[in-house]
Amino acid sequence: MFLSHYRHTVDKKGRIVIPSEFRDALRERIYLTPGIESCIFIYPQEEWEKLYRKVASLPLTQKDARDFMRLFLSSAATVEIDPQGRVMLPLHLRKYAQIENRVILLGVGNRVEIWSEEHWDAYFQKIQGSFEAITQSIVMEEPSYER
């Protein structure tokens, strides 16, 4: 499970360092995709395979499904983590996420998200005051502690 957040810089070659806390779970090969809200999603192999099965099962007879598959899968990239813990962010994904110099990597359960630091800070400022309302608006079952 991926948790927490880390701020890093993007080097001149378009690489970022993956925090050591994430590296063990990601291993060597990772999958990058366009994320929602203009970020980049990083998936480890196992999670990517689950997601791919869901995407591949979408009905080809529905235009939205075909459009989603084309956009999502054609923009995905498989990258390797180098011995220094760095990954190259493909240019098309950096452009999509408007990433230039600084990024923030967020652990979000089954994936990591990479945001432009500027966009994340603006997004966080916008939603942080709404945490209680957001929490109340989603249906969450309380865990049962009975034995």
C-alpha atoms as a PDB file:
ATOM      1  CA  MET A   1       0.000   0.000   0.000  1.00  0.00           C
ATOM      2  CA  PHE A   2       1.275   3.451  -0.903  1.00  0.00           C
ATOM      3  CA  LEU A   3       0.899   6.246   1.669  1.00  0.00           C
ATOM      4  CA  SER A   4       2.263   9.730   2.321  1.00  0.00           C
ATOM      5  CA  HIS A   5       3.752  12.301  -0.037  1.00  0.00           C
ATOM      6  CA  TYR A   6       7.195  13.448  -1.170  1.00  0.00           C
ATOM      7  CA  ARG A   7       8.453  16.503  -3.020  1.00  0.00           C
ATOM      8  CA  HIS A   8      11.180  16.142  -5.637  1.00  0.00           C
ATOM      9  CA  THR A   9      12.729  17.940  -8.567  1.00  0.00           C
ATOM     10  CA  VAL A  10      12.740  16.872 -12.198  1.00  0.00           C
ATOM     11  CA  ASP A  11      16.238  16.719 -13.656  1.00  0.00           C
ATOM     12  CA  LYS A  12      17.237  18.066 -17.077  1.00  0.00           C
ATOM     13  CA  LYS A  13      16.606  14.656 -18.664  1.00  0.00           C
ATOM     14  CA  GLY A  14      13.034  14.472 -17.335  1.00  0.00           C
ATOM     15  CA  ARG A  15      13.796  12.001 -14.534  1.00  0.00           C
ATOM     16  CA  ILE A  16      12.519  11.949 -10.975  1.00  0.00           C
ATOM     17  CA  VAL A  17      13.620   9.969  -7.948  1.00  0.00           C
ATOM     18  CA  ILE A  18      11.086   7.473  -6.653  1.00  0.00           C
ATOM     19  CA  PRO A  19      11.119   7.613  -2.838  1.00  0.00           C
ATOM     20  CA  SER A  20      12.613   4.497  -1.268  1.00  0.00           C
ATOM     21  CA  GLU A  21       9.346   3.978   0.632  1.00  0.00           C
ATOM     22  CA  PHE A  22       7.621   3.412  -2.731  1.00  0.00           C
ATOM     23  CA  ARG A  23      10.420   1.586  -4.548  1.00  0.00           C
ATOM     24  CA  ASP A  24      10.120  -1.705  -2.698  1.00  0.00           C
ATOM     25  CA  ALA A  25       6.456  -2.098  -3.608  1.00  0.00           C
ATOM     26  CA  LEU A  26       6.943  -0.864  -7.173  1.00  0.00           C
ATOM     27  CA  ARG A  27       9.965  -3.057  -7.906  1.00  0.00           C
ATOM     28  CA  GLU A  28      11.851  -2.453 -11.174  1.00  0.00           C
ATOM     29  CA  ARG A  29       9.126  -2.143 -13.835  1.00  0.00           C
ATOM     30  CA  ILE A  30       6.274   0.306 -13.427  1.00  0.00           C
ATOM     31  CA  TYR A  31       3.388   1.511 -15.553  1.00  0.00           C
ATOM     32  CA  LEU A  32       2.673   5.201 -16.043  1.00  0.00           C
ATOM     33  CA  THR A  33      -0.675   6.452 -17.302  1.00  0.00           C
ATOM     34  CA  PRO A  34      -2.479   9.757 -17.583  1.00  0.00           C
ATOM     35  CA  GLY A  35      -4.272  10.290 -14.311  1.00  0.00           C
ATOM     36  CA  ILE A  36      -7.406  12.167 -13.476  1.00  0.00           C
ATOM     37  CA  GLU A  37      -7.071  15.889 -12.613  1.00  0.00           C
ATOM     38  CA  SER A  38      -3.953  16.261 -14.780  1.00  0.00           C
ATOM     39  CA  CYS A  39      -1.552  14.050 -12.879  1.00  0.00           C
ATOM     40  CA  ILE A  40       0.320  10.859 -13.743  1.00  0.00           C
ATOM     41  CA  PHE A  41      -0.641   7.525 -12.194  1.00  0.00           C
ATOM     42  CA  ILE A  42       2.074   4.966 -11.380  1.00  0.00           C
ATOM     43  CA  TYR A  43       1.044   1.335 -11.025  1.00  0.00           C
ATOM     44  CA  PRO A  44       3.117  -1.650  -9.938  1.00  0.00           C
ATOM     45  CA  GLN A  45       2.852  -4.747 -12.145  1.00  0.00           C
ATOM     46  CA  GLU A  46       0.121  -6.495 -10.108  1.00  0.00           C
ATOM     47  CA  GLU A  47      -2.153  -3.455  -9.955  1.00  0.00           C
ATOM     48  CA  TRP A  48      -1.582  -2.691 -13.628  1.00  0.00           C
ATOM     49  CA  GLU A  49      -2.648  -6.214 -14.567  1.00  0.00           C
ATOM     50  CA  LYS A  50      -5.882  -5.847 -12.550  1.00  0.00           C
ATOM     51  CA  LEU A  51      -6.611  -2.480 -14.142  1.00  0.00           C
ATOM     52  CA  TYR A  52      -5.776  -3.729 -17.623  1.00  0.00           C
ATOM     53  CA  ARG A  53      -8.217  -6.644 -17.260  1.00  0.00           C
ATOM     54  CA  LYS A  54     -10.969  -4.171 -16.349  1.00  0.00           C
ATOM     55  CA  VAL A  55     -10.147  -1.882 -19.263  1.00  0.00           C
ATOM     56  CA  ALA A  56      -9.882  -4.809 -21.693  1.00  0.00           C
ATOM     57  CA  SER A  57     -13.335  -6.011 -20.635  1.00  0.00           C
ATOM     58  CA  LEU A  58     -15.033  -2.747 -21.599  1.00  0.00           C
ATOM     59  CA  PRO A  59     -17.570  -3.226 -24.393  1.00  0.00           C
ATOM     60  CA  LEU A  60     -16.134  -2.370 -27.801  1.00  0.00           C
ATOM     61  CA  THR A  61     -19.656  -1.556 -28.968  1.00  0.00           C
ATOM     62  CA  GLN A  62     -19.742   1.586 -26.796  1.00  0.00           C
ATOM     63  CA  LYS A  63     -18.000   4.645 -28.207  1.00  0.00           C
ATOM     64  CA  ASP A  64     -17.036   6.018 -24.767  1.00  0.00           C
ATOM     65  CA  ALA A  65     -15.392   2.704 -23.921  1.00  0.00           C
ATOM     66  CA  ARG A  66     -13.412   2.683 -27.180  1.00  0.00           C
ATOM     67  CA  ASP A  67     -12.396   6.315 -26.694  1.00  0.00           C
ATOM     68  CA  PHE A  68     -11.285   5.645 -23.130  1.00  0.00           C
ATOM     69  CA  MET A  69      -9.247   2.587 -24.152  1.00  0.00           C
ATOM     70  CA  ARG A  70      -7.540   4.533 -26.937  1.00  0.00           C
ATOM     71  CA  LEU A  71      -6.665   7.513 -24.763  1.00  0.00           C
ATOM     72  CA  PHE A  72      -5.710   5.568 -21.668  1.00  0.00           C
ATOM     73  CA  LEU A  73      -3.736   2.685 -23.165  1.00  0.00           C
ATOM     74  CA  SER A  74      -2.050   4.550 -26.015  1.00  0.00           C
ATOM     75  CA  SER A  75      -0.734   7.115 -23.522  1.00  0.00           C
ATOM     76  CA  ALA A  76       0.520   4.509 -21.038  1.00  0.00           C
ATOM     77  CA  ALA A  77       4.226   3.762 -20.730  1.00  0.00           C
ATOM     78  CA  THR A  78       6.270   1.006 -19.139  1.00  0.00           C
ATOM     79  CA  VAL A  79       9.443   2.292 -17.501  1.00  0.00           C
ATOM     80  CA  GLU A  80      12.248   0.827 -15.434  1.00  0.00           C
ATOM     81  CA  ILE A  81      13.527   2.217 -12.158  1.00  0.00           C
ATOM     82  CA  ASP A  82      17.278   2.711 -12.566  1.00  0.00           C
ATOM     83  CA  PRO A  83      19.851   1.708  -9.890  1.00  0.00           C
ATOM     84  CA  GLN A  84      19.703   5.249  -8.428  1.00  0.00           C
ATOM     85  CA  GLY A  85      15.922   4.976  -7.964  1.00  0.00           C
ATOM     86  CA  ARG A  86      15.074   7.298 -10.847  1.00  0.00           C
ATOM     87  CA  VAL A  87      12.492   6.970 -13.594  1.00  0.00           C
ATOM     88  CA  MET A  88      12.191   8.830 -16.854  1.00  0.00           C
ATOM     89  CA  LEU A  89       8.845  10.578 -17.220  1.00  0.00           C
ATOM     90  CA  PRO A  90       7.914  10.453 -20.906  1.00  0.00           C
ATOM     91  CA  LEU A  91       7.518  13.889 -22.457  1.00  0.00           C
ATOM     92  CA  HIS A  92       3.874  13.335 -23.458  1.00  0.00           C
ATOM     93  CA  LEU A  93       2.955  12.537 -19.836  1.00  0.00           C
ATOM     94  CA  ARG A  94       4.959  15.485 -18.473  1.00  0.00           C
ATOM     95  CA  LYS A  95       3.068  17.756 -20.874  1.00  0.00           C
ATOM     96  CA  TYR A  96      -0.264  16.211 -19.916  1.00  0.00           C
ATOM     97  CA  ALA A  97       0.428  16.775 -16.191  1.00  0.00           C
ATOM     98  CA  GLN A  98       2.065  20.175 -16.843  1.00  0.00           C
ATOM     99  CA  ILE A  99       5.206  19.035 -15.049  1.00  0.00           C
ATOM    100  CA  GLU A 100       8.296  21.180 -15.397  1.00  0.00           C
ATOM    101  CA  ASN A 101      10.681  21.480 -12.438  1.00  0.00           C
ATOM    102  CA  ARG A 102       9.092  20.280  -9.213  1.00  0.00           C
ATOM    103  CA  VAL A 103       6.752  17.394  -8.477  1.00  0.00           C
ATOM    104  CA  ILE A 104       4.969  15.849  -5.573  1.00  0.00           C
ATOM    105  CA  LEU A 105       4.514  12.085  -5.385  1.00  0.00           C
ATOM    106  CA  LEU A 106       1.438  10.961  -3.485  1.00  0.00           C
ATOM    107  CA  GLY A 107       0.841   7.487  -2.107  1.00  0.00           C
ATOM    108  CA  VAL A 108      -2.812   6.779  -2.829  1.00  0.00           C
ATOM    109  CA  GLY A 109      -3.378   3.183  -1.745  1.00  0.00           C
ATOM    110  CA  ASN A 110      -2.850   0.964  -4.786  1.00  0.00           C
ATOM    111  CA  ARG A 111      -1.018   3.570  -6.866  1.00  0.00           C
ATOM    112  CA  VAL A 112       1.281   6.571  -6.725  1.00  0.00           C
ATOM    113  CA  GLU A 113       0.299   9.872  -8.296  1.00  0.00           C
ATOM    114  CA  ILE A 114       2.780  12.402  -9.673  1.00  0.00           C
ATOM    115  CA  TRP A 115       1.584  15.997  -9.708  1.00  0.00           C
ATOM    116  CA  SER A 116       3.168  19.235 -10.742  1.00  0.00           C
ATOM    117  CA  GLU A 117       3.972  20.818  -7.383  1.00  0.00           C
ATOM    118  CA  GLU A 118       2.165  24.003  -8.393  1.00  0.00           C
ATOM    119  CA  HIS A 119      -0.994  22.165  -9.452  1.00  0.00           C
ATOM    120  CA  TRP A 120      -1.021  19.942  -6.379  1.00  0.00           C
ATOM    121  CA  ASP A 121      -0.643  22.894  -4.016  1.00  0.00           C
ATOM    122  CA  ALA A 122      -3.551  24.703  -5.711  1.00  0.00           C
ATOM    123  CA  TYR A 123      -5.706  21.553  -5.709  1.00  0.00           C
ATOM    124  CA  PHE A 124      -4.902  20.814  -2.064  1.00  0.00           C
ATOM    125  CA  GLN A 125      -5.712  24.388  -1.015  1.00  0.00           C
ATOM    126  CA  LYS A 126      -9.056  24.098  -2.802  1.00  0.00           C
ATOM    127  CA  ILE A 127     -10.132  20.800  -1.207  1.00  0.00           C
ATOM    128  CA  GLN A 128      -8.529  20.754   2.246  1.00  0.00           C
ATOM    129  CA  GLY A 129     -11.260  22.887   3.809  1.00  0.00           C
ATOM    130  CA  SER A 130     -13.867  20.490   2.433  1.00  0.00           C
ATOM    131  CA  PHE A 131     -12.507  17.329   4.041  1.00  0.00           C
ATOM    132  CA  GLU A 132     -15.434  16.919   6.424  1.00  0.00           C
ATOM    133  CA  ALA A 133     -18.028  17.526   3.715  1.00  0.00           C
ATOM    134  CA  ILE A 134     -16.243  15.166   1.316  1.00  0.00           C
ATOM    135  CA  THR A 135     -16.077  12.496   4.013  1.00  0.00           C
ATOM    136  CA  GLN A 136     -19.800  12.816   4.699  1.00  0.00           C
ATOM    137  CA  SER A 137     -20.693  12.710   0.998  1.00  0.00           C
ATOM    138  CA  ILE A 138     -19.106   9.337   0.319  1.00  0.00           C
ATOM    139  CA  VAL A 139     -20.586   6.146   1.626  1.00  0.00           C
ATOM    140  CA  MET A 140     -18.116   4.396   3.859  1.00  0.00           C
ATOM    141  CA  GLU A 141     -18.922   1.418   5.975  1.00  0.00           C
ATOM    142  CA  GLU A 142     -17.472   1.596   9.446  1.00  0.00           C
ATOM    143  CA  PRO A 143     -15.176  -1.325  10.195  1.00  0.00           C
ATOM    144  CA  SER A 144     -16.641  -3.906  12.520  1.00  0.00           C
ATOM    145  CA  TYR A 145     -14.534  -4.608  15.590  1.00  0.00           C
ATOM    146  CA  GLU A 146     -16.757  -7.429  16.830  1.00  0.00           C
ATOM    147  CA  ARG A 147     -15.255 -10.882  17.110  1.00  0.00           C
END
